[in-house]
Structures are given as structure tokens and as C-alpha cells.
Amino acid sequence: MKKLLLISILVLAVFYAFREIVYKPYMWKKAMNTPEHRLQMGSFLFSKQTGSNGSQSSQFNYLIFKVVEINGDYVRLSPIRQLSEKGKLKSSDFSFTRDTYHSLKLNIKKLTITPILRNDLYKEGATYTVNDYLLNKYPSLKKSRYYYEELSESEKNIHSPAEYFTLVYSKEKIIEKRKLIPWIINNSDKPELAKSLSQKVSLILN
């Protein structure tokens, strides 16, 4: 009986290893060659990330990004968020629940998601709520409060490394390893990959 149980456990372990090491990477690279899942400007990236909740336990963060710049191996992402209703600031508008995350995987291409310049977003302070200024300049917010921060020309200036390397990830690692590995500026002006901050990409949609 014990021998049969041990064999069953070994078979399951081999199957799991094959799925994680061989099958999933193969299917990911295959998907990368299709128009629907190819990494490109405007792509949506879904990432279920492990984070800390302030105690010894961890929690999952469900994040969605839009590709707003590709420059060689540098891929700049902008988080998809939702402005709160006026006077009703809610923390749930800044992150996604598990159910909303999975729902958006199916419906995000049907949503109106407004690109907003950073200066406009914070023009009336960091309120993260819909206001008259934003509604007048971005009428699409009347249809949907989902948005992402659009890059201004000055934010594309790679010659200012400390300012440039924010939410910039390796294109190669996304495609080859299915991982979000950020480029960072540490103790010099030379960017380096922070492999310790690696997170998995769940899905890319165009």
C-alpha cells in the first residue's frame, strides 16, 4: 500500500514538473507568435503577484497593465486603474479583486479605458476621483472610469535614467521566461535587471 502511494506521488510530481517546465513554457512561446497574444504597443498584461499584507503572511495582488512604450529591451507599463466617483474615494478602485480580474480577462477589450496625462491626473491634487476638469478634457470618462497614465514626451527621455526607469521591464524576459523583471537604477546611472523582484505574467491580450 505504501509502495503504491509512493509511486502515485512520484507520478504526480513528474507530471507537475513536466507541465511547469516543458508544457507551459512551450504554450507561452507558441502564444507569443499569435496576433492576439503577441507583446506589442497597447497590449494588456495580466499579472497575479505575491505581495505582503503587513504581517508574516502573504497575499495575491491582481494587476493589469497596458504597454505604453517599447524601446529595445525596455518595456514601459502603465497600471489600469479606476477613478473613484466624486466624493467617494474607495481603495478597491486601485486594485482588482480576484473576480474582477478574471472578468476583465474576458471583457477588457470591450471596455473604454482612457489614457490620461500625469499632469492632468494630478492637476487638482492626488484625489484619484472624477472631477470636472477631467470630465471636460476626457469625455470618455463619462462612459467608464477606467484609465491608465499616458506618457508625455519628457517621460520618454531615456537620458534621465533616475526618472525614466519606473515600471520598465525586460522585453526578452516577458517573451522568453513569462516574467516581469524590472530594469532599475541602483547605485549608478547604469540600469540593471532586478531578478529578485521577478513576477509572473499570466496573460497578454491585444
C-alpha atoms as a PDB file:
ATOM      1  CA  MET A   1       0.000   0.000   0.000  1.00  0.00           C
ATOM      2  CA  LYS A   2       2.785   2.391   0.956  1.00  0.00           C
ATOM      3  CA  LYS A   3       4.670   1.488  -2.214  1.00  0.00           C
ATOM      4  CA  LEU A   4       1.602   2.235  -4.350  1.00  0.00           C
ATOM      5  CA  LEU A   5       1.135   5.576  -2.594  1.00  0.00           C
ATOM      6  CA  LEU A   6       4.789   6.474  -3.155  1.00  0.00           C
ATOM      7  CA  ILE A   7       4.536   5.607  -6.854  1.00  0.00           C
ATOM      8  CA  SER A   8       1.388   7.742  -7.176  1.00  0.00           C
ATOM      9  CA  ILE A   9       3.130  10.701  -5.533  1.00  0.00           C
ATOM     10  CA  LEU A  10       6.146  10.320  -7.833  1.00  0.00           C
ATOM     11  CA  VAL A  11       3.921  10.169 -10.920  1.00  0.00           C
ATOM     12  CA  LEU A  12       2.105  13.331  -9.838  1.00  0.00           C
ATOM     13  CA  ALA A  13       5.415  15.068  -9.151  1.00  0.00           C
ATOM     14  CA  VAL A  14       6.760  14.140 -12.595  1.00  0.00           C
ATOM     15  CA  PHE A  15       3.531  15.274 -14.254  1.00  0.00           C
ATOM     16  CA  TYR A  16       3.609  18.607 -12.400  1.00  0.00           C
ATOM     17  CA  ALA A  17       7.274  19.166 -13.273  1.00  0.00           C
ATOM     18  CA  PHE A  18       6.619  18.365 -16.942  1.00  0.00           C
ATOM     19  CA  ARG A  19       3.688  20.784 -17.034  1.00  0.00           C
ATOM     20  CA  GLU A  20       5.613  23.621 -15.377  1.00  0.00           C
ATOM     21  CA  ILE A  21       8.998  23.141 -17.043  1.00  0.00           C
ATOM     22  CA  VAL A  22       8.053  21.923 -20.522  1.00  0.00           C
ATOM     23  CA  TYR A  23       4.379  22.302 -21.423  1.00  0.00           C
ATOM     24  CA  LYS A  24       3.591  25.777 -20.048  1.00  0.00           C
ATOM     25  CA  PRO A  25       6.741  27.444 -21.476  1.00  0.00           C
ATOM     26  CA  TYR A  26       6.040  25.797 -24.845  1.00  0.00           C
ATOM     27  CA  MET A  27       2.434  27.028 -24.918  1.00  0.00           C
ATOM     28  CA  TRP A  28       3.531  30.514 -23.811  1.00  0.00           C
ATOM     29  CA  LYS A  29       6.091  30.853 -26.611  1.00  0.00           C
ATOM     30  CA  LYS A  30       3.560  29.498 -29.082  1.00  0.00           C
ATOM     31  CA  ALA A  31       1.029  32.130 -27.962  1.00  0.00           C
ATOM     32  CA  MET A  32       3.668  34.867 -28.338  1.00  0.00           C
ATOM     33  CA  ASN A  33       3.589  34.254 -32.099  1.00  0.00           C
ATOM     34  CA  THR A  34      -0.150  34.882 -32.449  1.00  0.00           C
ATOM     35  CA  PRO A  35      -1.665  38.341 -33.103  1.00  0.00           C
ATOM     36  CA  GLU A  36      -3.956  38.039 -30.082  1.00  0.00           C
ATOM     37  CA  HIS A  37      -1.157  37.423 -27.574  1.00  0.00           C
ATOM     38  CA  ARG A  38       1.959  38.968 -29.147  1.00  0.00           C
ATOM     39  CA  LEU A  39       3.718  41.579 -26.992  1.00  0.00           C
ATOM     40  CA  GLN A  40       3.315  44.973 -28.660  1.00  0.00           C
ATOM     41  CA  MET A  41       2.364  48.577 -28.023  1.00  0.00           C
ATOM     42  CA  GLY A  42      -1.087  48.700 -26.463  1.00  0.00           C
ATOM     43  CA  SER A  43      -1.007  45.121 -25.164  1.00  0.00           C
ATOM     44  CA  PHE A  44      -2.718  44.343 -21.867  1.00  0.00           C
ATOM     45  CA  LEU A  45      -0.628  42.332 -19.396  1.00  0.00           C
ATOM     46  CA  PHE A  46      -2.297  40.418 -16.583  1.00  0.00           C
ATOM     47  CA  SER A  47      -0.199  39.510 -13.561  1.00  0.00           C
ATOM     48  CA  LYS A  48      -1.200  37.710 -10.366  1.00  0.00           C
ATOM     49  CA  GLN A  49       1.528  38.773  -7.965  1.00  0.00           C
ATOM     50  CA  THR A  50       2.513  37.737  -4.478  1.00  0.00           C
ATOM     51  CA  GLY A  51       2.785  40.589  -2.010  1.00  0.00           C
ATOM     52  CA  SER A  52       2.875  41.261   1.705  1.00  0.00           C
ATOM     53  CA  ASN A  53      -0.135  42.331   3.736  1.00  0.00           C
ATOM     54  CA  GLY A  54       1.977  43.802   6.520  1.00  0.00           C
ATOM     55  CA  SER A  55       2.123  40.661   8.626  1.00  0.00           C
ATOM     56  CA  GLN A  56       4.063  37.446   8.198  1.00  0.00           C
ATOM     57  CA  SER A  57       1.526  36.116   5.714  1.00  0.00           C
ATOM     58  CA  SER A  58       1.359  36.972   2.030  1.00  0.00           C
ATOM     59  CA  GLN A  59      -1.470  37.892  -0.293  1.00  0.00           C
ATOM     60  CA  PHE A  60      -2.174  37.949  -4.002  1.00  0.00           C
ATOM     61  CA  ASN A  61      -2.342  41.220  -5.903  1.00  0.00           C
ATOM     62  CA  TYR A  62      -4.285  41.111  -9.153  1.00  0.00           C
ATOM     63  CA  LEU A  63      -2.770  43.660 -11.537  1.00  0.00           C
ATOM     64  CA  ILE A  64      -3.408  44.668 -15.128  1.00  0.00           C
ATOM     65  CA  PHE A  65      -1.032  46.813 -17.175  1.00  0.00           C
ATOM     66  CA  LYS A  66      -1.011  48.444 -20.589  1.00  0.00           C
ATOM     67  CA  VAL A  67       2.148  48.591 -22.691  1.00  0.00           C
ATOM     68  CA  VAL A  68       2.794  52.292 -23.329  1.00  0.00           C
ATOM     69  CA  GLU A  69       6.353  52.154 -24.663  1.00  0.00           C
ATOM     70  CA  ILE A  70       8.741  49.631 -26.196  1.00  0.00           C
ATOM     71  CA  ASN A  71      12.334  50.759 -26.620  1.00  0.00           C
ATOM     72  CA  GLY A  72      14.691  47.887 -27.374  1.00  0.00           C
ATOM     73  CA  ASP A  73      14.535  45.602 -24.339  1.00  0.00           C
ATOM     74  CA  TYR A  74      12.765  48.285 -22.300  1.00  0.00           C
ATOM     75  CA  VAL A  75       9.010  47.805 -21.981  1.00  0.00           C
ATOM     76  CA  ARG A  76       7.158  50.523 -20.063  1.00  0.00           C
ATOM     77  CA  LEU A  77       3.910  49.502 -18.398  1.00  0.00           C
ATOM     78  CA  SER A  78       1.114  51.634 -17.020  1.00  0.00           C
ATOM     79  CA  PRO A  79      -1.343  50.145 -14.494  1.00  0.00           C
ATOM     80  CA  ILE A  80      -5.015  50.010 -15.392  1.00  0.00           C
ATOM     81  CA  ARG A  81      -6.981  51.628 -12.573  1.00  0.00           C
ATOM     82  CA  GLN A  82     -10.390  53.083 -11.918  1.00  0.00           C
ATOM     83  CA  LEU A  83     -11.093  56.628 -10.802  1.00  0.00           C
ATOM     84  CA  SER A  84     -13.431  56.815  -7.835  1.00  0.00           C
ATOM     85  CA  GLU A  85     -16.722  58.614  -8.082  1.00  0.00           C
ATOM     86  CA  LYS A  86     -16.594  62.218  -6.926  1.00  0.00           C
ATOM     87  CA  GLY A  87     -16.504  62.317  -3.129  1.00  0.00           C
ATOM     88  CA  LYS A  88     -16.437  58.524  -2.860  1.00  0.00           C
ATOM     89  CA  LEU A  89     -12.771  57.518  -2.753  1.00  0.00           C
ATOM     90  CA  LYS A  90     -12.514  53.736  -2.493  1.00  0.00           C
ATOM     91  CA  SER A  91      -9.361  51.675  -2.104  1.00  0.00           C
ATOM     92  CA  SER A  92     -10.948  48.970  -4.270  1.00  0.00           C
ATOM     93  CA  ASP A  93     -10.631  51.299  -7.263  1.00  0.00           C
ATOM     94  CA  PHE A  94      -6.825  50.993  -7.141  1.00  0.00           C
ATOM     95  CA  SER A  95      -6.577  47.222  -7.311  1.00  0.00           C
ATOM     96  CA  PHE A  96      -8.668  44.367  -8.596  1.00  0.00           C
ATOM     97  CA  THR A  97     -10.443  41.649  -6.725  1.00  0.00           C
ATOM     98  CA  ARG A  98      -9.961  38.097  -7.931  1.00  0.00           C
ATOM     99  CA  ASP A  99     -13.419  38.058  -9.526  1.00  0.00           C
ATOM    100  CA  THR A 100     -12.966  41.411 -11.287  1.00  0.00           C
ATOM    101  CA  TYR A 101      -9.529  40.350 -12.515  1.00  0.00           C
ATOM    102  CA  HIS A 102     -10.896  37.191 -14.114  1.00  0.00           C
ATOM    103  CA  SER A 103     -13.873  39.074 -15.529  1.00  0.00           C
ATOM    104  CA  LEU A 104     -11.580  41.645 -17.160  1.00  0.00           C
ATOM    105  CA  LYS A 105      -9.600  38.861 -18.805  1.00  0.00           C
ATOM    106  CA  LEU A 106     -12.749  38.153 -20.789  1.00  0.00           C
ATOM    107  CA  ASN A 107     -14.079  41.679 -21.265  1.00  0.00           C
ATOM    108  CA  ILE A 108     -11.236  44.202 -21.158  1.00  0.00           C
ATOM    109  CA  LYS A 109     -11.252  44.764 -24.923  1.00  0.00           C
ATOM    110  CA  LYS A 110     -14.891  45.840 -24.675  1.00  0.00           C
ATOM    111  CA  LEU A 111     -14.161  48.479 -22.030  1.00  0.00           C
ATOM    112  CA  THR A 112     -13.497  52.159 -22.566  1.00  0.00           C
ATOM    113  CA  ILE A 113     -10.116  52.817 -20.929  1.00  0.00           C
ATOM    114  CA  THR A 114      -8.998  56.435 -21.064  1.00  0.00           C
ATOM    115  CA  PRO A 115      -5.329  57.462 -21.402  1.00  0.00           C
ATOM    116  CA  ILE A 116      -4.707  60.415 -19.054  1.00  0.00           C
ATOM    117  CA  LEU A 117      -1.555  62.507 -18.855  1.00  0.00           C
ATOM    118  CA  ARG A 118       0.023  62.548 -15.392  1.00  0.00           C
ATOM    119  CA  ASN A 119      -0.141  66.355 -15.152  1.00  0.00           C
ATOM    120  CA  ASP A 120      -3.861  66.250 -15.863  1.00  0.00           C
ATOM    121  CA  LEU A 121      -4.462  63.414 -13.426  1.00  0.00           C
ATOM    122  CA  TYR A 122      -2.909  65.357 -10.541  1.00  0.00           C
ATOM    123  CA  LYS A 123      -3.952  68.849 -11.626  1.00  0.00           C
ATOM    124  CA  GLU A 124      -6.447  69.133  -8.764  1.00  0.00           C
ATOM    125  CA  GLY A 125      -4.339  67.130  -6.330  1.00  0.00           C
ATOM    126  CA  ALA A 126      -3.912  63.397  -5.869  1.00  0.00           C
ATOM    127  CA  THR A 127      -7.605  62.801  -5.276  1.00  0.00           C
ATOM    128  CA  TYR A 128      -7.931  59.879  -7.712  1.00  0.00           C
ATOM    129  CA  THR A 129     -11.564  60.814  -8.235  1.00  0.00           C
ATOM    130  CA  VAL A 130     -13.508  62.008 -11.253  1.00  0.00           C
ATOM    131  CA  ASN A 131     -13.636  65.815 -11.350  1.00  0.00           C
ATOM    132  CA  ASP A 132     -14.983  68.453 -13.711  1.00  0.00           C
ATOM    133  CA  TYR A 133     -11.570  69.184 -15.228  1.00  0.00           C
ATOM    134  CA  LEU A 134     -11.007  65.547 -16.187  1.00  0.00           C
ATOM    135  CA  LEU A 135     -14.552  65.111 -17.471  1.00  0.00           C
ATOM    136  CA  ASN A 136     -14.214  68.177 -19.695  1.00  0.00           C
ATOM    137  CA  LYS A 137     -10.837  67.162 -21.102  1.00  0.00           C
ATOM    138  CA  TYR A 138     -11.545  63.417 -21.282  1.00  0.00           C
ATOM    139  CA  PRO A 139     -15.267  62.955 -22.071  1.00  0.00           C
ATOM    140  CA  SER A 140     -14.794  59.189 -22.376  1.00  0.00           C
ATOM    141  CA  LEU A 141     -14.614  59.072 -18.559  1.00  0.00           C
ATOM    142  CA  LYS A 142     -18.377  59.560 -18.600  1.00  0.00           C
ATOM    143  CA  LYS A 143     -18.679  56.087 -20.126  1.00  0.00           C
ATOM    144  CA  SER A 144     -16.114  54.371 -17.931  1.00  0.00           C
ATOM    145  CA  ARG A 145     -13.845  55.446 -15.065  1.00  0.00           C
ATOM    146  CA  TYR A 146     -11.091  53.023 -16.053  1.00  0.00           C
ATOM    147  CA  TYR A 147      -7.867  54.768 -17.061  1.00  0.00           C
ATOM    148  CA  TYR A 148      -4.108  54.466 -17.400  1.00  0.00           C
ATOM    149  CA  GLU A 149      -1.399  57.113 -17.262  1.00  0.00           C
ATOM    150  CA  GLU A 150      -0.262  58.148 -20.719  1.00  0.00           C
ATOM    151  CA  LEU A 151       3.373  59.131 -21.248  1.00  0.00           C
ATOM    152  CA  SER A 152       4.327  62.687 -22.060  1.00  0.00           C
ATOM    153  CA  GLU A 153       7.309  63.245 -24.350  1.00  0.00           C
ATOM    154  CA  SER A 154       9.521  64.243 -21.412  1.00  0.00           C
ATOM    155  CA  GLU A 155       8.843  60.907 -19.690  1.00  0.00           C
ATOM    156  CA  LYS A 156      10.251  59.078 -22.700  1.00  0.00           C
ATOM    157  CA  ASN A 157      13.660  60.694 -22.143  1.00  0.00           C
ATOM    158  CA  ILE A 158      15.999  57.770 -21.584  1.00  0.00           C
ATOM    159  CA  HIS A 159      18.869  60.196 -20.928  1.00  0.00           C
ATOM    160  CA  SER A 160      17.475  60.855 -17.435  1.00  0.00           C
ATOM    161  CA  PRO A 161      17.811  57.330 -16.002  1.00  0.00           C
ATOM    162  CA  ALA A 162      16.537  58.004 -12.483  1.00  0.00           C
ATOM    163  CA  GLU A 163      13.267  59.379 -13.868  1.00  0.00           C
ATOM    164  CA  TYR A 164      12.981  57.021 -16.827  1.00  0.00           C
ATOM    165  CA  PHE A 165      13.234  53.646 -15.124  1.00  0.00           C
ATOM    166  CA  THR A 166       9.831  53.416 -13.491  1.00  0.00           C
ATOM    167  CA  LEU A 167       7.686  50.405 -14.355  1.00  0.00           C
ATOM    168  CA  VAL A 168      10.176  49.467 -17.085  1.00  0.00           C
ATOM    169  CA  TYR A 169      10.599  45.734 -17.655  1.00  0.00           C
ATOM    170  CA  SER A 170      12.674  43.419 -19.831  1.00  0.00           C
ATOM    171  CA  LYS A 171      11.015  42.551 -23.130  1.00  0.00           C
ATOM    172  CA  GLU A 172      13.179  39.444 -23.504  1.00  0.00           C
ATOM    173  CA  LYS A 173      12.189  38.095 -20.083  1.00  0.00           C
ATOM    174  CA  ILE A 174       8.488  38.644 -20.761  1.00  0.00           C
ATOM    175  CA  ILE A 175       8.663  36.755 -24.048  1.00  0.00           C
ATOM    176  CA  GLU A 176      11.159  34.036 -23.162  1.00  0.00           C
ATOM    177  CA  LYS A 177      10.537  33.494 -19.454  1.00  0.00           C
ATOM    178  CA  ARG A 178       6.959  34.742 -18.950  1.00  0.00           C
ATOM    179  CA  LYS A 179       8.285  37.012 -16.219  1.00  0.00           C
ATOM    180  CA  LEU A 180       8.102  40.681 -15.311  1.00  0.00           C
ATOM    181  CA  ILE A 181      11.658  41.565 -14.334  1.00  0.00           C
ATOM    182  CA  PRO A 182      12.163  45.306 -13.841  1.00  0.00           C
ATOM    183  CA  TRP A 183      15.065  47.384 -15.047  1.00  0.00           C
ATOM    184  CA  ILE A 184      16.184  49.580 -12.147  1.00  0.00           C
ATOM    185  CA  ILE A 185      18.783  52.204 -11.326  1.00  0.00           C
ATOM    186  CA  ASN A 186      20.616  51.142  -8.195  1.00  0.00           C
ATOM    187  CA  ASN A 187      23.913  52.745  -7.211  1.00  0.00           C
ATOM    188  CA  SER A 188      24.854  54.168 -10.588  1.00  0.00           C
ATOM    189  CA  ASP A 189      23.303  55.512 -13.775  1.00  0.00           C
ATOM    190  CA  LYS A 190      23.661  52.101 -15.407  1.00  0.00           C
ATOM    191  CA  PRO A 191      20.366  50.153 -15.453  1.00  0.00           C
ATOM    192  CA  GLU A 192      20.350  46.587 -14.188  1.00  0.00           C
ATOM    193  CA  LEU A 193      17.790  43.802 -14.023  1.00  0.00           C
ATOM    194  CA  ALA A 194      16.306  43.219 -10.566  1.00  0.00           C
ATOM    195  CA  LYS A 195      15.724  39.472 -10.796  1.00  0.00           C
ATOM    196  CA  SER A 196      14.760  39.299  -7.130  1.00  0.00           C
ATOM    197  CA  LEU A 197      11.657  41.385  -7.949  1.00  0.00           C
ATOM    198  CA  SER A 198      10.502  38.996 -10.664  1.00  0.00           C
ATOM    199  CA  GLN A 199       6.768  38.338 -11.012  1.00  0.00           C
ATOM    200  CA  LYS A 200       4.885  36.072 -13.410  1.00  0.00           C
ATOM    201  CA  VAL A 201       2.818  37.218 -16.367  1.00  0.00           C
ATOM    202  CA  SER A 202      -0.478  35.355 -16.533  1.00  0.00           C
ATOM    203  CA  LEU A 203      -1.754  36.573 -19.888  1.00  0.00           C
ATOM    204  CA  ILE A 204      -1.128  39.055 -22.706  1.00  0.00           C
ATOM    205  CA  LEU A 205      -4.071  40.321 -24.752  1.00  0.00           C
ATOM    206  CA  ASN A 206      -4.284  42.595 -27.783  1.00  0.00           C
END
